[in-house]
């Protein structure tokens, strides 16, 4: 709940505008979410990212940006 209230809105702020940024920046943002996923689930830090996303039900930030762009259009 804390993640969705405080952290994710910060990561998504203006995401439609900066969506064309460098892949290194996209990887940094996604890394923040992937760092928090094991903390939220209590999983081992070596757990597969795919398994974590399936377990938690979170979307990747890239997928969320795609949805935001579609809503904007």
C-alpha atoms as a PDB file:
ATOM      1  CA  UNK A   1       0.000   0.000   0.000  1.00  0.00           C
ATOM      2  CA  UNK A   2       2.857   2.371   0.826  1.00  0.00           C
ATOM      3  CA  UNK A   3       4.446   1.590  -2.538  1.00  0.00           C
ATOM      4  CA  UNK A   4       1.284   2.548  -4.443  1.00  0.00           C
ATOM      5  CA  UNK A   5       0.684   5.678  -2.364  1.00  0.00           C
ATOM      6  CA  UNK A   6       4.148   7.207  -2.237  1.00  0.00           C
ATOM      7  CA  UNK A   7       6.703   5.514  -4.469  1.00  0.00           C
ATOM      8  CA  UNK A   8       4.918   4.522  -7.665  1.00  0.00           C
ATOM      9  CA  UNK A   9       3.332   7.957  -8.276  1.00  0.00           C
ATOM     10  CA  UNK A  10       6.821   9.442  -8.099  1.00  0.00           C
ATOM     11  CA  UNK A  11       8.109   6.913 -10.634  1.00  0.00           C
ATOM     12  CA  UNK A  12       5.160   7.583 -12.946  1.00  0.00           C
ATOM     13  CA  UNK A  13       5.156  11.372 -12.737  1.00  0.00           C
ATOM     14  CA  UNK A  14       5.129  12.695 -16.304  1.00  0.00           C
ATOM     15  CA  UNK A  15       5.752   9.225 -17.718  1.00  0.00           C
ATOM     16  CA  UNK A  16       3.963   9.967 -20.980  1.00  0.00           C
ATOM     17  CA  UNK A  17       6.295  12.887 -21.626  1.00  0.00           C
ATOM     18  CA  UNK A  18       9.608  11.227 -20.767  1.00  0.00           C
ATOM     19  CA  UNK A  19       8.700   7.853 -22.276  1.00  0.00           C
ATOM     20  CA  UNK A  20      11.220   8.399 -25.084  1.00  0.00           C
ATOM     21  CA  UNK A  21      14.160   8.674 -22.689  1.00  0.00           C
ATOM     22  CA  UNK A  22      17.316   6.569 -22.889  1.00  0.00           C
ATOM     23  CA  UNK A  23      17.098   2.847 -22.124  1.00  0.00           C
ATOM     24  CA  UNK A  24      19.587   3.301 -19.287  1.00  0.00           C
ATOM     25  CA  UNK A  25      17.143   5.642 -17.542  1.00  0.00           C
ATOM     26  CA  UNK A  26      14.251   3.244 -18.122  1.00  0.00           C
ATOM     27  CA  UNK A  27      16.336   0.443 -16.607  1.00  0.00           C
ATOM     28  CA  UNK A  28      17.093   2.580 -13.535  1.00  0.00           C
ATOM     29  CA  UNK A  29      13.405   3.265 -12.943  1.00  0.00           C
ATOM     30  CA  UNK A  30      12.472  -0.366 -13.446  1.00  0.00           C
ATOM     31  CA  UNK A  31      15.296  -1.334 -11.093  1.00  0.00           C
ATOM     32  CA  UNK A  32      13.679   0.648  -8.301  1.00  0.00           C
ATOM     33  CA  UNK A  33      10.473  -1.333  -8.687  1.00  0.00           C
ATOM     34  CA  UNK A  34      12.369  -4.614  -8.893  1.00  0.00           C
ATOM     35  CA  UNK A  35      14.312  -3.743  -5.749  1.00  0.00           C
ATOM     36  CA  UNK A  36      11.110  -3.155  -3.823  1.00  0.00           C
ATOM     37  CA  UNK A  37       9.259  -6.256  -5.026  1.00  0.00           C
ATOM     38  CA  UNK A  38      11.222  -8.737  -2.854  1.00  0.00           C
ATOM     39  CA  UNK A  39      10.849  -6.423   0.137  1.00  0.00           C
ATOM     40  CA  UNK A  40       7.074  -6.344  -0.273  1.00  0.00           C
ATOM     41  CA  UNK A  41       6.736 -10.094  -0.810  1.00  0.00           C
ATOM     42  CA  UNK A  42       9.423 -11.243   1.595  1.00  0.00           C
ATOM     43  CA  UNK A  43      10.984 -13.224  -1.238  1.00  0.00           C
ATOM     44  CA  UNK A  44      14.652 -13.908  -1.719  1.00  0.00           C
ATOM     45  CA  UNK A  45      16.494 -11.213  -3.672  1.00  0.00           C
ATOM     46  CA  UNK A  46      17.478 -13.861  -6.244  1.00  0.00           C
ATOM     47  CA  UNK A  47      13.881 -14.719  -7.087  1.00  0.00           C
ATOM     48  CA  UNK A  48      13.014 -14.357 -10.759  1.00  0.00           C
ATOM     49  CA  UNK A  49      11.494 -11.025 -11.719  1.00  0.00           C
ATOM     50  CA  UNK A  50       8.828 -12.803 -13.741  1.00  0.00           C
ATOM     51  CA  UNK A  51       7.797 -14.865 -10.708  1.00  0.00           C
ATOM     52  CA  UNK A  52       7.680 -11.753  -8.533  1.00  0.00           C
ATOM     53  CA  UNK A  53       5.498  -9.865 -11.004  1.00  0.00           C
ATOM     54  CA  UNK A  54       3.161 -12.841 -11.337  1.00  0.00           C
ATOM     55  CA  UNK A  55       2.916 -13.261  -7.571  1.00  0.00           C
ATOM     56  CA  UNK A  56       2.388  -9.591  -6.740  1.00  0.00           C
ATOM     57  CA  UNK A  57       0.306  -8.751  -9.783  1.00  0.00           C
ATOM     58  CA  UNK A  58       2.236  -5.562 -10.514  1.00  0.00           C
ATOM     59  CA  UNK A  59       2.695  -4.354 -14.053  1.00  0.00           C
ATOM     60  CA  UNK A  60       6.054  -3.278 -15.325  1.00  0.00           C
ATOM     61  CA  UNK A  61       6.496   0.462 -15.512  1.00  0.00           C
ATOM     62  CA  UNK A  62       6.816   0.183 -19.297  1.00  0.00           C
ATOM     63  CA  UNK A  63       3.421  -1.512 -19.540  1.00  0.00           C
ATOM     64  CA  UNK A  64       1.911   1.131 -17.289  1.00  0.00           C
ATOM     65  CA  UNK A  65       3.374   3.901 -19.472  1.00  0.00           C
ATOM     66  CA  UNK A  66       1.794   2.266 -22.531  1.00  0.00           C
ATOM     67  CA  UNK A  67      -1.592   2.342 -20.818  1.00  0.00           C
ATOM     68  CA  UNK A  68      -1.133   5.992 -19.890  1.00  0.00           C
ATOM     69  CA  UNK A  69      -0.272   6.893 -23.492  1.00  0.00           C
ATOM     70  CA  UNK A  70      -3.352   5.076 -24.779  1.00  0.00           C
ATOM     71  CA  UNK A  71      -5.574   6.890 -22.280  1.00  0.00           C
ATOM     72  CA  UNK A  72      -4.065  10.214 -23.304  1.00  0.00           C
ATOM     73  CA  UNK A  73      -4.799   9.587 -26.961  1.00  0.00           C
END
